[in-house]
Amino acid sequence: MTSNFPVSLEFFPAKTPDGVAKYAAVRRELYALKPAFCSVTAGAGGSTHKGTLSMVQDIFSEGVEGAPHFTCVGASTDSIRDALAQFRDAGIRRIVALRGDLPSGYGSFGEFRYASDLVAFIRAETGDHFHIEVAAYPEMHPQAKSPQADLQAYAAKVHAGANSAITQLFFNADAYFRFLDEARKLGADVPVVPGVMPITNASGLIRFADNTGAEIPRWIRLRLQSYGDDVESIKAFGLDVVTDLCERLRAGGAPGVHLYTMNQSGASLALFKRLGW
């Protein structure tokens, strides 16, 4: 099976010179998937802003579009305005706009309490220069008061000017499709790309999911735990699970997939080889 099903990739900034070289090699391997763009995460309160921008610039130099994660928590309008100018100067046209996590020691959210405030500000300052991606949570943001409140917060980001969205990771395709239906009822009808994480490490996946509020279905969690330290069985089972998820998403009309690579290439390449995409 051949396909032009779009894929995008997510990385996090390197912290050491060795990491810079290692992650560059990983990216080169993953460019075989012909990604539409690669996003680069930012730390709490934008604490890795410099590293994020540097890695995005590296990605551009490799002939692929890069998109920085851009957080607003604890920020001032002046600092956001300065960062947008930096992005424009660097040739960046796509931003993943997020509220972000409040760093420890910060007493307030600053001048931007919600991601929708950031989206509105970017639009007011820069017009249509940037393609703005926002986050979507098919299983509800872990800090939301209710599913309804979370949907309203998502719709507010779209109405503020977001072009598209990327979801938090999930393993329940029904949750994704239901989220789409409910968002459209609120007039939030932009492409929502499902975020998918290949499974290579049980403890790492469980820790990541617990930290982000994503649900690992009980049958998957128990099966992963049953394998103990049997890495090959975990990878084989994980490949089956994520392949089935991606096939369901594509069959249901998803506009593409966004792979949480965790700065590794093997699992993502194996997934797409299995899918035949």
C-alpha atoms as a PDB file:
ATOM      1  CA  MET A   1       0.000   0.000   0.000  1.00  0.00           C
ATOM      2  CA  THR A   2       1.300   3.439  -0.890  1.00  0.00           C
ATOM      3  CA  SER A   3       0.023   6.602   0.683  1.00  0.00           C
ATOM      4  CA  ASN A   4       0.494  10.331   0.905  1.00  0.00           C
ATOM      5  CA  PHE A   5      -0.942  10.277   4.425  1.00  0.00           C
ATOM      6  CA  PRO A   6       0.795  13.241   6.113  1.00  0.00           C
ATOM      7  CA  VAL A   7       3.102  12.722   9.056  1.00  0.00           C
ATOM      8  CA  SER A   8       4.773  15.241  11.341  1.00  0.00           C
ATOM      9  CA  LEU A   9       7.387  14.546  13.994  1.00  0.00           C
ATOM     10  CA  GLU A  10       8.084  15.880  17.470  1.00  0.00           C
ATOM     11  CA  PHE A  11      11.480  16.234  19.106  1.00  0.00           C
ATOM     12  CA  PHE A  12      12.851  17.826  22.268  1.00  0.00           C
ATOM     13  CA  PRO A  13      15.975  20.014  22.444  1.00  0.00           C
ATOM     14  CA  ALA A  14      19.356  18.487  23.117  1.00  0.00           C
ATOM     15  CA  LYS A  15      20.994  19.417  26.420  1.00  0.00           C
ATOM     16  CA  THR A  16      24.588  18.523  25.529  1.00  0.00           C
ATOM     17  CA  PRO A  17      26.869  18.796  22.472  1.00  0.00           C
ATOM     18  CA  ASP A  18      26.776  15.001  22.176  1.00  0.00           C
ATOM     19  CA  GLY A  19      22.990  15.174  22.204  1.00  0.00           C
ATOM     20  CA  VAL A  20      23.007  17.706  19.360  1.00  0.00           C
ATOM     21  CA  ALA A  21      24.966  15.300  17.143  1.00  0.00           C
ATOM     22  CA  LYS A  22      22.948  12.261  18.220  1.00  0.00           C
ATOM     23  CA  TYR A  23      19.570  13.905  17.561  1.00  0.00           C
ATOM     24  CA  ALA A  24      20.740  15.217  14.194  1.00  0.00           C
ATOM     25  CA  ALA A  25      21.469  11.613  13.175  1.00  0.00           C
ATOM     26  CA  VAL A  26      18.028  10.509  14.407  1.00  0.00           C
ATOM     27  CA  ARG A  27      16.339  13.271  12.406  1.00  0.00           C
ATOM     28  CA  ARG A  28      18.178  12.294   9.239  1.00  0.00           C
ATOM     29  CA  GLU A  29      16.898   8.726   9.614  1.00  0.00           C
ATOM     30  CA  LEU A  30      13.329   9.921  10.203  1.00  0.00           C
ATOM     31  CA  TYR A  31      13.330  12.248   7.213  1.00  0.00           C
ATOM     32  CA  ALA A  32      12.757   9.039   5.223  1.00  0.00           C
ATOM     33  CA  LEU A  33       9.117   9.486   6.326  1.00  0.00           C
ATOM     34  CA  LYS A  34       9.024  12.810   4.443  1.00  0.00           C
ATOM     35  CA  PRO A  35       7.514  14.771   7.361  1.00  0.00           C
ATOM     36  CA  ALA A  36       5.353  17.801   6.626  1.00  0.00           C
ATOM     37  CA  PHE A  37       7.135  19.517   9.536  1.00  0.00           C
ATOM     38  CA  CYS A  38       8.992  18.782  12.762  1.00  0.00           C
ATOM     39  CA  SER A  39       8.034  20.428  16.035  1.00  0.00           C
ATOM     40  CA  VAL A  40      10.413  21.025  18.936  1.00  0.00           C
ATOM     41  CA  THR A  41       9.219  21.150  22.523  1.00  0.00           C
ATOM     42  CA  ALA A  42       9.921  23.854  25.115  1.00  0.00           C
ATOM     43  CA  GLY A  43      10.485  23.478  28.841  1.00  0.00           C
ATOM     44  CA  ALA A  44       8.290  24.871  31.629  1.00  0.00           C
ATOM     45  CA  GLY A  45       7.860  28.604  31.247  1.00  0.00           C
ATOM     46  CA  GLY A  46       9.759  28.493  27.959  1.00  0.00           C
ATOM     47  CA  SER A  47      12.891  27.510  29.893  1.00  0.00           C
ATOM     48  CA  THR A  48      14.427  25.811  26.838  1.00  0.00           C
ATOM     49  CA  HIS A  49      13.481  28.605  24.425  1.00  0.00           C
ATOM     50  CA  LYS A  50      17.043  29.062  23.189  1.00  0.00           C
ATOM     51  CA  GLY A  51      17.556  25.333  22.645  1.00  0.00           C
ATOM     52  CA  THR A  52      14.158  25.030  20.976  1.00  0.00           C
ATOM     53  CA  LEU A  53      14.916  27.814  18.500  1.00  0.00           C
ATOM     54  CA  SER A  54      18.401  26.427  17.800  1.00  0.00           C
ATOM     55  CA  MET A  55      17.018  22.980  16.990  1.00  0.00           C
ATOM     56  CA  VAL A  56      14.273  24.446  14.783  1.00  0.00           C
ATOM     57  CA  GLN A  57      16.942  26.332  12.854  1.00  0.00           C
ATOM     58  CA  ASP A  58      18.926  23.094  12.460  1.00  0.00           C
ATOM     59  CA  ILE A  59      15.830  21.399  11.064  1.00  0.00           C
ATOM     60  CA  PHE A  60      15.335  24.230   8.568  1.00  0.00           C
ATOM     61  CA  SER A  61      18.968  23.877   7.475  1.00  0.00           C
ATOM     62  CA  GLU A  62      18.248  20.199   6.775  1.00  0.00           C
ATOM     63  CA  GLY A  63      15.502  21.141   4.321  1.00  0.00           C
ATOM     64  CA  VAL A  64      12.486  20.442   6.541  1.00  0.00           C
ATOM     65  CA  GLU A  65      10.029  22.913   8.075  1.00  0.00           C
ATOM     66  CA  GLY A  66      10.507  23.395  11.808  1.00  0.00           C
ATOM     67  CA  ALA A  67       7.914  24.568  14.316  1.00  0.00           C
ATOM     68  CA  PRO A  68       8.790  25.707  17.846  1.00  0.00           C
ATOM     69  CA  HIS A  69       6.522  24.972  20.780  1.00  0.00           C
ATOM     70  CA  PHE A  70       5.763  28.427  22.124  1.00  0.00           C
ATOM     71  CA  THR A  71       4.494  28.723  25.694  1.00  0.00           C
ATOM     72  CA  CYS A  72       3.053  31.823  27.312  1.00  0.00           C
ATOM     73  CA  VAL A  73       2.716  31.006  31.008  1.00  0.00           C
ATOM     74  CA  GLY A  74       4.570  33.540  33.155  1.00  0.00           C
ATOM     75  CA  ALA A  75       5.352  35.683  30.088  1.00  0.00           C
ATOM     76  CA  SER A  76       4.795  39.390  29.425  1.00  0.00           C
ATOM     77  CA  THR A  77       3.455  40.885  26.209  1.00  0.00           C
ATOM     78  CA  ASP A  78       6.893  42.382  25.549  1.00  0.00           C
ATOM     79  CA  SER A  79       8.661  39.020  25.871  1.00  0.00           C
ATOM     80  CA  ILE A  80       6.100  37.348  23.612  1.00  0.00           C
ATOM     81  CA  ARG A  81       6.413  40.155  21.064  1.00  0.00           C
ATOM     82  CA  ASP A  82      10.225  39.833  21.102  1.00  0.00           C
ATOM     83  CA  ALA A  83      10.035  36.068  20.610  1.00  0.00           C
ATOM     84  CA  LEU A  84       7.648  36.455  17.669  1.00  0.00           C
ATOM     85  CA  ALA A  85      10.110  38.868  16.066  1.00  0.00           C
ATOM     86  CA  GLN A  86      12.882  36.289  16.569  1.00  0.00           C
ATOM     87  CA  PHE A  87      10.749  33.638  14.913  1.00  0.00           C
ATOM     88  CA  ARG A  88      10.015  35.863  11.939  1.00  0.00           C
ATOM     89  CA  ASP A  89      13.674  36.740  11.559  1.00  0.00           C
ATOM     90  CA  ALA A  90      14.505  33.024  11.569  1.00  0.00           C
ATOM     91  CA  GLY A  91      12.040  32.354   8.752  1.00  0.00           C
ATOM     92  CA  ILE A  92       9.617  30.416  10.944  1.00  0.00           C
ATOM     93  CA  ARG A  93       6.053  30.250   9.630  1.00  0.00           C
ATOM     94  CA  ARG A  94       4.520  27.621  11.939  1.00  0.00           C
ATOM     95  CA  ILE A  95       4.119  27.774  15.732  1.00  0.00           C
ATOM     96  CA  VAL A  96       2.705  25.300  18.241  1.00  0.00           C
ATOM     97  CA  ALA A  97       1.022  27.712  20.682  1.00  0.00           C
ATOM     98  CA  LEU A  98       0.597  26.370  24.217  1.00  0.00           C
ATOM     99  CA  ARG A  99      -0.127  27.692  27.681  1.00  0.00           C
ATOM    100  CA  GLY A 100       2.706  25.626  29.118  1.00  0.00           C
ATOM    101  CA  ASP A 101       3.485  24.591  32.673  1.00  0.00           C
ATOM    102  CA  LEU A 102       4.131  27.164  35.364  1.00  0.00           C
ATOM    103  CA  PRO A 103       7.737  26.824  36.564  1.00  0.00           C
ATOM    104  CA  SER A 104       8.267  26.185  40.251  1.00  0.00           C
ATOM    105  CA  GLY A 105       8.668  29.437  42.143  1.00  0.00           C
ATOM    106  CA  TYR A 106       6.369  31.432  39.851  1.00  0.00           C
ATOM    107  CA  GLY A 107       3.508  33.029  41.728  1.00  0.00           C
ATOM    108  CA  SER A 108       1.204  33.825  38.791  1.00  0.00           C
ATOM    109  CA  PHE A 109       0.480  32.934  35.195  1.00  0.00           C
ATOM    110  CA  GLY A 110       1.611  36.358  33.977  1.00  0.00           C
ATOM    111  CA  GLU A 111      -0.243  38.342  31.325  1.00  0.00           C
ATOM    112  CA  PHE A 112      -1.387  35.241  29.418  1.00  0.00           C
ATOM    113  CA  ARG A 113      -3.527  32.885  31.456  1.00  0.00           C
ATOM    114  CA  TYR A 114      -4.755  30.690  28.619  1.00  0.00           C
ATOM    115  CA  ALA A 115      -3.400  29.447  25.303  1.00  0.00           C
ATOM    116  CA  SER A 116      -6.339  31.194  23.619  1.00  0.00           C
ATOM    117  CA  ASP A 117      -4.892  34.511  24.897  1.00  0.00           C
ATOM    118  CA  LEU A 118      -1.594  33.665  23.210  1.00  0.00           C
ATOM    119  CA  VAL A 119      -3.274  32.700  19.926  1.00  0.00           C
ATOM    120  CA  ALA A 120      -5.275  35.939  19.888  1.00  0.00           C
ATOM    121  CA  PHE A 121      -2.132  37.976  20.593  1.00  0.00           C
ATOM    122  CA  ILE A 122      -0.148  36.268  17.813  1.00  0.00           C
ATOM    123  CA  ARG A 123      -2.949  36.979  15.352  1.00  0.00           C
ATOM    124  CA  ALA A 124      -3.248  40.616  16.469  1.00  0.00           C
ATOM    125  CA  GLU A 125       0.523  41.172  16.224  1.00  0.00           C
ATOM    126  CA  THR A 126       1.373  39.200  13.093  1.00  0.00           C
ATOM    127  CA  GLY A 127      -1.836  38.696  11.115  1.00  0.00           C
ATOM    128  CA  ASP A 128      -1.695  35.520   9.035  1.00  0.00           C
ATOM    129  CA  HIS A 129       2.093  35.233   9.002  1.00  0.00           C
ATOM    130  CA  PHE A 130       2.103  32.130  11.215  1.00  0.00           C
ATOM    131  CA  HIS A 131       0.272  28.845  10.884  1.00  0.00           C
ATOM    132  CA  ILE A 132      -0.800  28.287  14.485  1.00  0.00           C
ATOM    133  CA  GLU A 133      -1.126  24.776  15.885  1.00  0.00           C
ATOM    134  CA  VAL A 134      -2.784  24.274  19.271  1.00  0.00           C
ATOM    135  CA  ALA A 135      -3.182  21.300  21.596  1.00  0.00           C
ATOM    136  CA  ALA A 136      -6.293  19.119  21.770  1.00  0.00           C
ATOM    137  CA  TYR A 137      -7.140  16.612  24.488  1.00  0.00           C
ATOM    138  CA  PRO A 138      -9.509  13.818  23.368  1.00  0.00           C
ATOM    139  CA  GLU A 139      -9.496  12.424  26.910  1.00  0.00           C
ATOM    140  CA  MET A 140      -9.624  15.843  28.639  1.00  0.00           C
ATOM    141  CA  HIS A 141      -6.795  18.051  29.863  1.00  0.00           C
ATOM    142  CA  PRO A 142      -5.667  16.797  33.302  1.00  0.00           C
ATOM    143  CA  GLN A 143      -6.337  20.213  34.873  1.00  0.00           C
ATOM    144  CA  ALA A 144      -9.737  20.824  33.248  1.00  0.00           C
ATOM    145  CA  LYS A 145     -12.740  21.077  35.552  1.00  0.00           C
ATOM    146  CA  SER A 146     -14.935  18.978  33.279  1.00  0.00           C
ATOM    147  CA  PRO A 147     -15.056  17.584  29.733  1.00  0.00           C
ATOM    148  CA  GLN A 148     -17.398  20.437  28.779  1.00  0.00           C
ATOM    149  CA  ALA A 149     -15.024  23.073  30.168  1.00  0.00           C
ATOM    150  CA  ASP A 150     -12.133  21.474  28.307  1.00  0.00           C
ATOM    151  CA  LEU A 151     -14.059  21.512  25.020  1.00  0.00           C
ATOM    152  CA  GLN A 152     -14.925  25.163  25.546  1.00  0.00           C
ATOM    153  CA  ALA A 153     -11.245  25.971  26.171  1.00  0.00           C
ATOM    154  CA  TYR A 154     -10.293  24.162  22.967  1.00  0.00           C
ATOM    155  CA  ALA A 155     -13.000  25.963  20.971  1.00  0.00           C
ATOM    156  CA  ALA A 156     -11.750  29.289  22.358  1.00  0.00           C
ATOM    157  CA  LYS A 157      -8.302  28.593  20.880  1.00  0.00           C
ATOM    158  CA  VAL A 158      -9.811  27.824  17.487  1.00  0.00           C
ATOM    159  CA  HIS A 159     -12.034  30.904  17.542  1.00  0.00           C
ATOM    160  CA  ALA A 160      -9.004  33.008  18.529  1.00  0.00           C
ATOM    161  CA  GLY A 161      -7.349  32.064  15.257  1.00  0.00           C
ATOM    162  CA  ALA A 162      -5.764  28.602  15.432  1.00  0.00           C
ATOM    163  CA  ASN A 163      -5.332  26.916  12.051  1.00  0.00           C
ATOM    164  CA  SER A 164      -5.141  23.331  13.263  1.00  0.00           C
ATOM    165  CA  ALA A 165      -4.543  21.180  16.328  1.00  0.00           C
ATOM    166  CA  ILE A 166      -2.392  18.290  17.493  1.00  0.00           C
ATOM    167  CA  THR A 167      -3.746  15.936  20.139  1.00  0.00           C
ATOM    168  CA  GLN A 168      -2.167  14.609  23.261  1.00  0.00           C
ATOM    169  CA  LEU A 169      -1.282  10.938  22.850  1.00  0.00           C
ATOM    170  CA  PHE A 170      -4.130   8.453  23.227  1.00  0.00           C
ATOM    171  CA  PHE A 171      -4.865   4.806  22.482  1.00  0.00           C
ATOM    172  CA  ASN A 172      -8.659   4.983  22.223  1.00  0.00           C
ATOM    173  CA  ALA A 173      -9.652   5.981  18.696  1.00  0.00           C
ATOM    174  CA  ASP A 174     -13.284   6.396  19.773  1.00  0.00           C
ATOM    175  CA  ALA A 175     -12.260   9.185  22.146  1.00  0.00           C
ATOM    176  CA  TYR A 176     -10.628  11.036  19.236  1.00  0.00           C
ATOM    177  CA  PHE A 177     -13.617  10.763  16.910  1.00  0.00           C
ATOM    178  CA  ARG A 178     -16.050  11.753  19.644  1.00  0.00           C
ATOM    179  CA  PHE A 179     -13.892  14.787  20.445  1.00  0.00           C
ATOM    180  CA  LEU A 180     -14.060  15.852  16.797  1.00  0.00           C
ATOM    181  CA  ASP A 181     -17.840  15.584  16.747  1.00  0.00           C
ATOM    182  CA  GLU A 182     -18.259  17.575  19.947  1.00  0.00           C
ATOM    183  CA  ALA A 183     -15.750  20.245  18.892  1.00  0.00           C
ATOM    184  CA  ARG A 184     -17.545  20.769  15.576  1.00  0.00           C
ATOM    185  CA  LYS A 185     -20.791  21.371  17.449  1.00  0.00           C
ATOM    186  CA  LEU A 186     -19.006  24.323  19.071  1.00  0.00           C
ATOM    187  CA  GLY A 187     -17.911  25.653  15.687  1.00  0.00           C
ATOM    188  CA  ALA A 188     -14.316  24.479  16.157  1.00  0.00           C
ATOM    189  CA  ASP A 189     -13.889  22.876  12.761  1.00  0.00           C
ATOM    190  CA  VAL A 190     -10.167  22.868  11.995  1.00  0.00           C
ATOM    191  CA  PRO A 191      -8.001  19.827  11.190  1.00  0.00           C
ATOM    192  CA  VAL A 192      -7.115  17.863  14.337  1.00  0.00           C
ATOM    193  CA  VAL A 193      -4.068  15.649  13.852  1.00  0.00           C
ATOM    194  CA  PRO A 194      -3.851  12.713  16.267  1.00  0.00           C
ATOM    195  CA  GLY A 195      -0.687  12.521  18.339  1.00  0.00           C
ATOM    196  CA  VAL A 196       0.697   8.988  18.369  1.00  0.00           C
ATOM    197  CA  MET A 197       3.491   7.592  20.498  1.00  0.00           C
ATOM    198  CA  PRO A 198       5.224   4.370  19.427  1.00  0.00           C
ATOM    199  CA  ILE A 199       5.629   1.962  22.349  1.00  0.00           C
ATOM    200  CA  THR A 200       9.195   0.918  23.120  1.00  0.00           C
ATOM    201  CA  ASN A 201       9.431   1.138  26.899  1.00  0.00           C
ATOM    202  CA  ALA A 202       6.658   0.232  29.318  1.00  0.00           C
ATOM    203  CA  SER A 203       7.777   2.256  32.337  1.00  0.00           C
ATOM    204  CA  GLY A 204       8.595   5.293  30.202  1.00  0.00           C
ATOM    205  CA  LEU A 205       5.223   5.225  28.469  1.00  0.00           C
ATOM    206  CA  ILE A 206       3.311   4.802  31.725  1.00  0.00           C
ATOM    207  CA  ARG A 207       5.250   7.649  33.343  1.00  0.00           C
ATOM    208  CA  PHE A 208       4.695   9.941  30.354  1.00  0.00           C
ATOM    209  CA  ALA A 209       0.976   9.122  30.236  1.00  0.00           C
ATOM    210  CA  ASP A 210       0.508   9.627  33.966  1.00  0.00           C
ATOM    211  CA  ASN A 211       2.243  13.017  33.781  1.00  0.00           C
ATOM    212  CA  THR A 212       0.111  14.229  30.864  1.00  0.00           C
ATOM    213  CA  GLY A 213      -3.256  12.788  31.867  1.00  0.00           C
ATOM    214  CA  ALA A 214      -3.374  10.421  28.880  1.00  0.00           C
ATOM    215  CA  GLU A 215      -5.085   7.105  29.542  1.00  0.00           C
ATOM    216  CA  ILE A 216      -3.437   3.787  28.820  1.00  0.00           C
ATOM    217  CA  PRO A 217      -6.295   1.248  28.585  1.00  0.00           C
ATOM    218  CA  ARG A 218      -6.103  -1.313  31.352  1.00  0.00           C
ATOM    219  CA  TRP A 219      -5.548  -4.239  29.007  1.00  0.00           C
ATOM    220  CA  ILE A 220      -2.567  -2.495  27.413  1.00  0.00           C
ATOM    221  CA  ARG A 221      -1.074  -1.447  30.754  1.00  0.00           C
ATOM    222  CA  LEU A 222      -1.405  -4.949  32.237  1.00  0.00           C
ATOM    223  CA  ARG A 223       0.044  -6.611  29.147  1.00  0.00           C
ATOM    224  CA  LEU A 224       3.031  -4.256  29.166  1.00  0.00           C
ATOM    225  CA  GLN A 225       3.629  -4.860  32.854  1.00  0.00           C
ATOM    226  CA  SER A 226       3.419  -8.630  32.325  1.00  0.00           C
ATOM    227  CA  TYR A 227       6.419  -8.540  29.990  1.00  0.00           C
ATOM    228  CA  GLY A 228       8.693  -7.223  32.734  1.00  0.00           C
ATOM    229  CA  ASP A 229      12.132  -6.532  31.231  1.00  0.00           C
ATOM    230  CA  ASP A 230      11.431  -8.414  27.979  1.00  0.00           C
ATOM    231  CA  VAL A 231      12.133  -5.468  25.682  1.00  0.00           C
ATOM    232  CA  GLU A 232      11.539  -7.355  22.430  1.00  0.00           C
ATOM    233  CA  SER A 233       8.083  -8.533  23.537  1.00  0.00           C
ATOM    234  CA  ILE A 234       7.189  -4.997  24.626  1.00  0.00           C
ATOM    235  CA  LYS A 235       8.255  -3.616  21.234  1.00  0.00           C
ATOM    236  CA  ALA A 236       6.396  -6.318  19.293  1.00  0.00           C
ATOM    237  CA  PHE A 237       3.198  -5.858  21.284  1.00  0.00           C
ATOM    238  CA  GLY A 238       3.512  -2.067  21.114  1.00  0.00           C
ATOM    239  CA  LEU A 239       3.931  -2.183  17.351  1.00  0.00           C
ATOM    240  CA  ASP A 240       0.724  -4.229  17.035  1.00  0.00           C
ATOM    241  CA  VAL A 241      -1.218  -1.801  19.238  1.00  0.00           C
ATOM    242  CA  VAL A 242      -0.042   1.400  17.552  1.00  0.00           C
ATOM    243  CA  THR A 243      -0.371  -0.035  14.034  1.00  0.00           C
ATOM    244  CA  ASP A 244      -4.008  -0.915  14.715  1.00  0.00           C
ATOM    245  CA  LEU A 245      -4.615   2.547  16.170  1.00  0.00           C
ATOM    246  CA  CYS A 246      -3.130   4.305  13.140  1.00  0.00           C
ATOM    247  CA  GLU A 247      -5.119   2.168  10.716  1.00  0.00           C
ATOM    248  CA  ARG A 248      -8.347   2.998  12.559  1.00  0.00           C
ATOM    249  CA  LEU A 249      -7.510   6.695  12.590  1.00  0.00           C
ATOM    250  CA  ARG A 250      -6.775   6.807   8.884  1.00  0.00           C
ATOM    251  CA  ALA A 251      -9.879   4.768   8.001  1.00  0.00           C
ATOM    252  CA  GLY A 252     -11.964   7.177  10.076  1.00  0.00           C
ATOM    253  CA  GLY A 253     -10.702  10.229   8.206  1.00  0.00           C
ATOM    254  CA  ALA A 254      -7.897  11.591  10.385  1.00  0.00           C
ATOM    255  CA  PRO A 255      -5.883  14.211   8.439  1.00  0.00           C
ATOM    256  CA  GLY A 256      -2.507  12.653   9.305  1.00  0.00           C
ATOM    257  CA  VAL A 257      -0.507  11.621  12.362  1.00  0.00           C
ATOM    258  CA  HIS A 258       1.938  13.467  14.604  1.00  0.00           C
ATOM    259  CA  LEU A 259       4.572  11.110  15.995  1.00  0.00           C
ATOM    260  CA  TYR A 260       5.996  11.662  19.465  1.00  0.00           C
ATOM    261  CA  THR A 261       9.434  10.312  18.568  1.00  0.00           C
ATOM    262  CA  MET A 262      11.087  10.757  21.970  1.00  0.00           C
ATOM    263  CA  ASN A 263      14.196  11.555  19.881  1.00  0.00           C
ATOM    264  CA  GLN A 264      14.428   7.952  18.668  1.00  0.00           C
ATOM    265  CA  SER A 265      14.005   6.663  15.126  1.00  0.00           C
ATOM    266  CA  GLY A 266      13.633   2.890  15.280  1.00  0.00           C
ATOM    267  CA  ALA A 267      10.062   2.574  16.510  1.00  0.00           C
ATOM    268  CA  SER A 268       8.662   5.233  14.167  1.00  0.00           C
ATOM    269  CA  LEU A 269      10.389   3.687  11.140  1.00  0.00           C
ATOM    270  CA  ALA A 270       9.154   0.213  12.127  1.00  0.00           C
ATOM    271  CA  LEU A 271       5.612   1.543  12.507  1.00  0.00           C
ATOM    272  CA  PHE A 272       5.510   3.070   9.045  1.00  0.00           C
ATOM    273  CA  LYS A 273       7.112  -0.010   7.493  1.00  0.00           C
ATOM    274  CA  ARG A 274       4.382  -2.153   9.082  1.00  0.00           C
ATOM    275  CA  LEU A 275       1.679   0.262   7.937  1.00  0.00           C
ATOM    276  CA  GLY A 276       3.017   0.327   4.418  1.00  0.00           C
ATOM    277  CA  TRP A 277       2.662   4.110   4.307  1.00  0.00           C
END
